[in-house]
Amino acid sequence: MVSFSGDVKKEMAAVRPPRGCCRHAFAYGFLESAHAFSEQEISIRTEHAAVAGAYAALLDTQCEGVTYIEQTLPRKTGVYHVVSVPDAGDRQTILAAFGHSGGDTARRLNLANFECETCAAGYLRGAFLACGAITDPETDYHLELTFSGRMLSLDVLKLIQSIGFSKIKHIVRKGVNVLYLKDGEQIADFLAFCGAQLGALTLHQSMMVKEIRNRTNRQVNCESANIDKVIAAATEQVRAIDKIERTIGLSQLPPDLAEIARLRRDNPECSLRELGAMMQPPLSRSGVNHRLQRIVAYADELA
């Protein structure tokens, strides 16, 4: 079964930046953020065949002459698609192409790989393909990127914040550095920024449906609460009228109260406005309410 996250990744994987520098930045984000990007290992492990295919394709186009191995390995819930570079010399060539070396003590973001204003979008699209995930918007709003290296995660955090995604957060979860967004609007904007326009539109539509559903539920709950209040008030009024009728009789009430008391007694289901319309001359809702409150107070004074 294809997930929303899988659909988003498939859409991003199909994006082809027109500029060479942006393609280079995309490859950089993809490679650097994947399972391994070092002198010892360069590889990706993913459950998405489209992601593995895009990773292999960029090795062909951005790292010409490099050999790689594609594998499909079993896992508990399906398979892993693995693409790796087995030759040490090829790994050194790839690292050097992006300004890195095998002697790097901690992987960092090399901004020299960004040549134009849209290179950041290419890098983040590659990073999301390599280490990103997003929940189905029908259940929750959550997008995250996971990095094994702390310094790289903090560099990417600063990059995302500089673009305008102010609500991006950083946590360490089970030894893994996680950048995450939980704001629906910013998640949709991030998807659009990285080229997943359809994913962003789907998220916006889901947010609209949820807002309409929540607004409707609030309205229904409010109306239900109001109905409960009306029923409780009418019940109290009928009890007061019954008490007066049993003890002294409604005829002992002032004429204006006796009239509304009989109407309420005979029409317990009617609203205040409906009771007012039955009177001659008609009485406003507030006028009916005032008289019924006087009746309740009168009944309370009776022994």
Protein backbone atom coordinates (compact mmCIF):
# COMPACT_ATOMS: atom_id res chain seq x y z
CA MET A 1 0.00 0.00 0.00
CA VAL A 2 1.44 3.37 -1.05
CA SER A 3 1.65 5.93 1.77
CA PHE A 4 1.29 9.70 1.59
CA SER A 5 5.00 9.96 2.40
CA GLY A 6 5.76 7.57 -0.46
CA ASP A 7 3.64 9.61 -2.87
CA VAL A 8 5.45 12.80 -1.86
CA LYS A 9 8.86 11.18 -2.33
CA LYS A 10 7.84 9.79 -5.71
CA GLU A 11 6.78 13.28 -6.78
CA MET A 12 10.03 14.85 -5.54
CA ALA A 13 12.12 12.15 -7.17
CA ALA A 14 10.60 13.04 -10.55
CA VAL A 15 11.61 16.74 -10.33
CA ARG A 16 14.45 17.68 -12.69
CA PRO A 17 16.02 21.07 -11.84
CA PRO A 18 16.79 23.06 -15.02
CA ARG A 19 20.04 24.52 -13.71
CA GLY A 20 23.20 22.47 -13.39
CA CYS A 21 24.07 24.02 -10.02
CA CYS A 22 20.67 23.03 -8.62
CA ARG A 23 21.11 19.47 -9.89
CA HIS A 24 24.48 19.43 -8.14
CA ALA A 25 22.90 20.72 -4.90
CA PHE A 26 20.13 18.12 -5.19
CA ALA A 27 22.72 15.35 -5.55
CA TYR A 28 24.64 16.77 -2.60
CA GLY A 29 21.59 16.80 -0.32
CA PHE A 30 20.61 13.30 -1.44
CA LEU A 31 24.06 11.78 -0.91
CA GLU A 32 25.04 13.63 2.26
CA SER A 33 21.74 12.95 4.06
CA ALA A 34 21.49 9.26 3.15
CA HIS A 35 22.43 6.23 5.22
CA ALA A 36 26.19 6.75 4.79
CA PHE A 37 28.38 9.43 3.20
CA SER A 38 31.97 8.84 4.22
CA GLU A 39 35.30 7.41 3.14
CA GLN A 40 34.22 4.03 4.51
CA GLU A 41 30.74 3.89 2.97
CA ILE A 42 28.46 5.77 0.61
CA SER A 43 25.01 4.22 0.43
CA ILE A 44 21.27 4.61 0.87
CA ARG A 45 18.70 2.24 2.37
CA THR A 46 15.08 2.97 1.62
CA GLU A 47 11.73 1.23 1.44
CA HIS A 48 10.82 3.30 -1.62
CA ALA A 49 11.91 1.93 -5.00
CA ALA A 50 11.50 5.37 -6.61
CA VAL A 51 13.97 6.86 -4.10
CA ALA A 52 16.55 4.15 -4.74
CA GLY A 53 16.10 4.64 -8.48
CA ALA A 54 16.61 8.40 -8.19
CA TYR A 55 19.74 7.86 -6.06
CA ALA A 56 21.23 5.51 -8.67
CA ALA A 57 20.31 7.91 -11.46
CA LEU A 58 22.10 10.85 -9.85
CA LEU A 59 25.24 8.72 -9.42
CA ASP A 60 25.08 8.16 -13.18
CA THR A 61 24.53 11.82 -14.05
CA GLN A 62 26.39 13.73 -11.32
CA CYS A 63 29.21 11.28 -10.60
CA GLU A 64 30.06 9.89 -14.03
CA GLY A 65 32.27 6.82 -14.08
CA VAL A 66 31.39 5.78 -10.52
CA THR A 67 30.25 2.18 -10.11
CA TYR A 68 27.52 1.21 -7.69
CA ILE A 69 25.57 -1.84 -6.60
CA GLU A 70 21.78 -2.07 -6.32
CA GLN A 71 20.26 -4.64 -3.96
CA THR A 72 16.88 -5.60 -2.55
CA LEU A 73 17.06 -6.93 1.00
CA PRO A 74 14.22 -8.49 3.03
CA ARG A 75 12.80 -6.77 6.08
CA LYS A 76 9.95 -7.54 8.49
CA THR A 77 7.41 -5.49 6.55
CA GLY A 78 8.55 -5.73 2.95
CA VAL A 79 12.00 -5.02 1.52
CA TYR A 80 14.83 -2.50 1.67
CA HIS A 81 16.20 -1.06 -1.55
CA VAL A 82 19.94 -0.50 -1.13
CA VAL A 83 22.30 1.38 -3.43
CA SER A 84 25.99 1.49 -2.44
CA VAL A 85 29.36 2.52 -3.87
CA PRO A 86 31.79 -0.36 -3.22
CA ASP A 87 35.04 1.12 -4.54
CA ALA A 88 37.10 3.25 -2.13
CA GLY A 89 38.49 5.36 -4.98
CA ASP A 90 34.98 6.12 -6.24
CA ARG A 91 33.93 7.14 -2.74
CA GLN A 92 36.87 9.55 -2.54
CA THR A 93 35.89 11.00 -5.93
CA ILE A 94 32.31 11.59 -4.78
CA LEU A 95 33.38 13.22 -1.52
CA ALA A 96 35.80 15.50 -3.35
CA ALA A 97 33.11 16.50 -5.86
CA PHE A 98 31.20 18.12 -3.01
CA GLY A 99 34.18 19.61 -1.15
CA HIS A 100 34.60 16.86 1.43
CA SER A 101 37.38 14.46 2.25
CA GLY A 102 37.83 11.24 4.14
CA GLY A 103 39.51 13.19 6.92
CA ASP A 104 36.39 15.14 7.92
CA THR A 105 35.99 14.77 11.69
CA ALA A 106 32.28 15.68 11.57
CA ARG A 107 30.10 15.98 8.52
CA ARG A 108 29.02 19.59 7.92
CA LEU A 109 26.95 21.40 5.32
CA ASN A 110 29.26 22.82 2.63
CA LEU A 111 27.51 25.98 1.37
CA ALA A 112 30.01 26.20 -1.48
CA ASN A 113 27.74 23.72 -3.26
CA PHE A 114 25.00 26.38 -3.45
CA GLU A 115 25.53 28.71 -6.41
CA CYS A 116 22.08 30.28 -6.92
CA GLU A 117 19.00 31.19 -4.89
CA THR A 118 17.20 27.92 -5.76
CA CYS A 119 20.04 25.53 -4.86
CA ALA A 120 18.75 25.31 -1.27
CA ALA A 121 15.47 23.88 -2.57
CA GLY A 122 17.41 21.26 -4.50
CA TYR A 123 19.49 20.32 -1.47
CA LEU A 124 16.45 20.01 0.81
CA ARG A 125 14.56 17.98 -1.79
CA GLY A 126 17.48 15.55 -1.88
CA ALA A 127 17.69 15.52 1.91
CA PHE A 128 13.99 14.75 2.24
CA LEU A 129 14.27 11.89 -0.23
CA ALA A 130 17.19 10.46 1.73
CA CYS A 131 16.08 10.91 5.34
CA GLY A 132 12.65 12.55 5.37
CA ALA A 133 9.17 11.36 6.25
CA ILE A 134 5.72 12.88 6.52
CA THR A 135 2.59 11.50 8.16
CA ASP A 136 -0.73 11.17 6.38
CA PRO A 137 -2.50 14.53 6.91
CA GLU A 138 -5.72 12.66 7.63
CA THR A 139 -4.18 11.58 10.95
CA ASP A 140 -1.65 14.27 11.91
CA TYR A 141 0.58 17.07 10.64
CA HIS A 142 4.19 15.97 11.07
CA LEU A 143 7.23 16.20 8.78
CA GLU A 144 10.72 15.24 9.84
CA LEU A 145 14.30 14.79 8.65
CA THR A 146 16.61 12.44 10.56
CA PHE A 147 20.41 12.76 10.65
CA SER A 148 23.04 10.62 12.36
CA GLY A 149 25.41 13.59 12.70
CA ARG A 150 24.58 16.41 15.12
CA MET A 151 26.58 19.14 13.38
CA LEU A 152 25.02 18.42 10.00
CA SER A 153 21.53 18.44 11.52
CA LEU A 154 22.17 21.84 13.12
CA ASP A 155 23.57 23.22 9.85
CA VAL A 156 20.45 22.06 7.99
CA LEU A 157 18.29 23.50 10.78
CA LYS A 158 19.87 26.93 10.23
CA LEU A 159 19.41 26.58 6.47
CA ILE A 160 15.69 25.78 6.81
CA GLN A 161 15.18 28.61 9.32
CA SER A 162 16.95 31.09 7.01
CA ILE A 163 14.45 30.27 4.26
CA GLY A 164 11.58 31.25 6.53
CA PHE A 165 10.41 28.05 8.20
CA SER A 166 10.53 29.47 11.71
CA LYS A 167 8.66 26.61 13.35
CA ILE A 168 11.23 23.92 12.52
CA LYS A 169 12.48 22.20 15.70
CA HIS A 170 15.44 19.99 16.63
CA ILE A 171 15.42 17.05 19.04
CA VAL A 172 17.55 13.99 19.71
CA ARG A 173 15.49 10.80 19.62
CA LYS A 174 17.21 7.53 20.53
CA GLY A 175 20.58 8.95 19.54
CA VAL A 176 19.32 10.28 16.21
CA ASN A 177 19.07 14.01 15.42
CA VAL A 178 15.60 14.91 14.19
CA LEU A 179 14.37 18.13 12.58
CA TYR A 180 10.59 18.35 12.55
CA LEU A 181 7.65 20.55 11.62
CA LYS A 182 4.16 20.13 13.10
CA ASP A 183 2.50 23.23 11.65
CA GLY A 184 0.30 22.26 8.72
CA GLU A 185 0.79 25.50 6.79
CA GLN A 186 4.58 25.38 7.06
CA ILE A 187 4.65 21.69 6.11
CA ALA A 188 2.62 22.45 2.98
CA ASP A 189 4.94 25.36 2.16
CA PHE A 190 7.99 23.14 2.68
CA LEU A 191 6.59 20.51 0.29
CA ALA A 192 5.90 23.17 -2.33
CA PHE A 193 9.37 24.67 -1.82
CA CYS A 194 10.93 21.25 -2.45
CA GLY A 195 8.90 20.66 -5.60
CA ALA A 196 6.05 18.48 -4.28
CA GLN A 197 3.22 20.73 -5.48
CA LEU A 198 0.65 17.94 -5.56
CA GLY A 199 1.60 16.86 -2.04
CA ALA A 200 1.23 20.45 -0.84
CA LEU A 201 -2.19 20.74 -2.52
CA THR A 202 -3.34 17.45 -0.97
CA LEU A 203 -2.25 18.67 2.46
CA HIS A 204 -4.07 22.00 2.01
CA GLN A 205 -7.25 20.19 0.96
CA SER A 206 -7.03 17.93 4.01
CA MET A 207 -6.56 20.97 6.26
CA MET A 208 -9.64 22.63 4.73
CA VAL A 209 -11.78 19.52 5.21
CA LYS A 210 -10.60 19.20 8.83
CA GLU A 211 -11.36 22.86 9.52
CA ILE A 212 -14.88 22.54 8.06
CA ARG A 213 -15.44 19.34 10.04
CA ASN A 214 -14.18 20.91 13.27
CA ARG A 215 -16.24 24.06 12.71
CA THR A 216 -19.36 21.94 12.10
CA ASN A 217 -18.69 19.88 15.24
CA ARG A 218 -18.24 23.05 17.30
CA GLN A 219 -21.50 24.43 15.93
CA VAL A 220 -23.37 21.19 16.62
CA ASN A 221 -21.94 21.00 20.14
CA CYS A 222 -22.87 24.63 20.77
CA GLU A 223 -26.41 24.08 19.49
CA SER A 224 -26.70 20.91 21.56
CA ALA A 225 -25.57 22.78 24.68
CA ASN A 226 -28.08 25.55 23.98
CA ILE A 227 -30.87 23.00 23.55
CA ASP A 228 -29.93 21.40 26.87
CA LYS A 229 -30.08 24.82 28.55
CA VAL A 230 -33.49 25.55 27.01
CA ILE A 231 -34.85 22.17 28.16
CA ALA A 232 -33.47 22.65 31.67
CA ALA A 233 -34.95 26.16 31.91
CA ALA A 234 -38.34 25.03 30.58
CA THR A 235 -38.41 22.12 33.05
CA GLU A 236 -37.70 24.47 35.95
CA GLN A 237 -40.42 26.84 34.78
CA VAL A 238 -43.05 24.08 34.44
CA ARG A 239 -42.20 22.78 37.91
CA ALA A 240 -42.60 26.29 39.37
CA ILE A 241 -45.94 26.71 37.61
CA ASP A 242 -47.15 23.32 38.86
CA LYS A 243 -46.15 24.28 42.41
CA ILE A 244 -48.05 27.56 42.21
CA GLU A 245 -51.10 25.82 40.73
CA ARG A 246 -51.09 23.20 43.51
CA THR A 247 -50.67 25.67 46.36
CA ILE A 248 -52.52 28.90 45.59
CA GLY A 249 -53.69 28.56 41.98
CA LEU A 250 -52.56 30.46 38.93
CA SER A 251 -55.45 32.91 39.34
CA GLN A 252 -53.60 34.41 42.30
CA LEU A 253 -50.78 35.56 40.06
CA PRO A 254 -50.80 39.01 38.47
CA PRO A 255 -52.65 38.82 35.12
CA ASP A 256 -49.49 39.21 33.04
CA LEU A 257 -47.79 36.33 34.88
CA ALA A 258 -50.88 34.14 34.90
CA GLU A 259 -51.17 34.42 31.11
CA ILE A 260 -47.59 33.36 30.41
CA ALA A 261 -47.78 30.66 33.10
CA ARG A 262 -50.75 29.01 31.34
CA LEU A 263 -49.02 29.24 27.98
CA ARG A 264 -45.83 27.64 29.32
CA ARG A 265 -47.81 24.92 31.14
CA ASP A 266 -49.71 24.02 27.96
CA ASN A 267 -46.70 24.36 25.65
CA PRO A 268 -43.62 23.06 27.50
CA GLU A 269 -41.77 22.32 24.23
CA CYS A 270 -42.04 25.85 22.82
CA SER A 271 -39.21 28.38 22.77
CA LEU A 272 -39.48 31.76 24.47
CA ARG A 273 -39.91 33.42 21.10
CA GLU A 274 -42.75 31.05 20.18
CA LEU A 275 -44.49 31.70 23.52
CA GLY A 276 -44.20 35.45 22.96
CA ALA A 277 -45.82 35.12 19.53
CA MET A 278 -48.86 33.41 21.12
CA MET A 279 -49.61 36.37 23.37
CA GLN A 280 -51.92 39.26 22.59
CA PRO A 281 -50.28 41.59 21.94
CA PRO A 282 -47.09 39.59 21.09
CA LEU A 283 -44.26 39.84 23.60
CA SER A 284 -40.53 39.85 22.91
CA ARG A 285 -38.29 36.94 23.86
CA SER A 286 -36.64 38.95 26.63
CA GLY A 287 -40.07 39.99 27.94
CA VAL A 288 -41.24 36.36 28.11
CA ASN A 289 -38.00 35.35 29.84
CA HIS A 290 -38.38 38.13 32.41
CA ARG A 291 -41.93 37.08 33.31
CA LEU A 292 -41.00 33.40 33.61
CA GLN A 293 -38.09 34.31 35.90
CA ARG A 294 -40.56 36.21 38.11
CA ILE A 295 -42.77 33.09 38.21
CA VAL A 296 -39.83 30.88 39.26
CA ALA A 297 -38.88 33.38 41.96
CA TYR A 298 -42.54 33.55 43.12
CA ALA A 299 -42.66 29.76 43.40
CA ASP A 300 -39.42 29.72 45.41
CA GLU A 301 -41.00 32.02 47.99
CA LEU A 302 -43.92 29.66 48.57
CA ALA A 303 -43.69 27.30 51.52
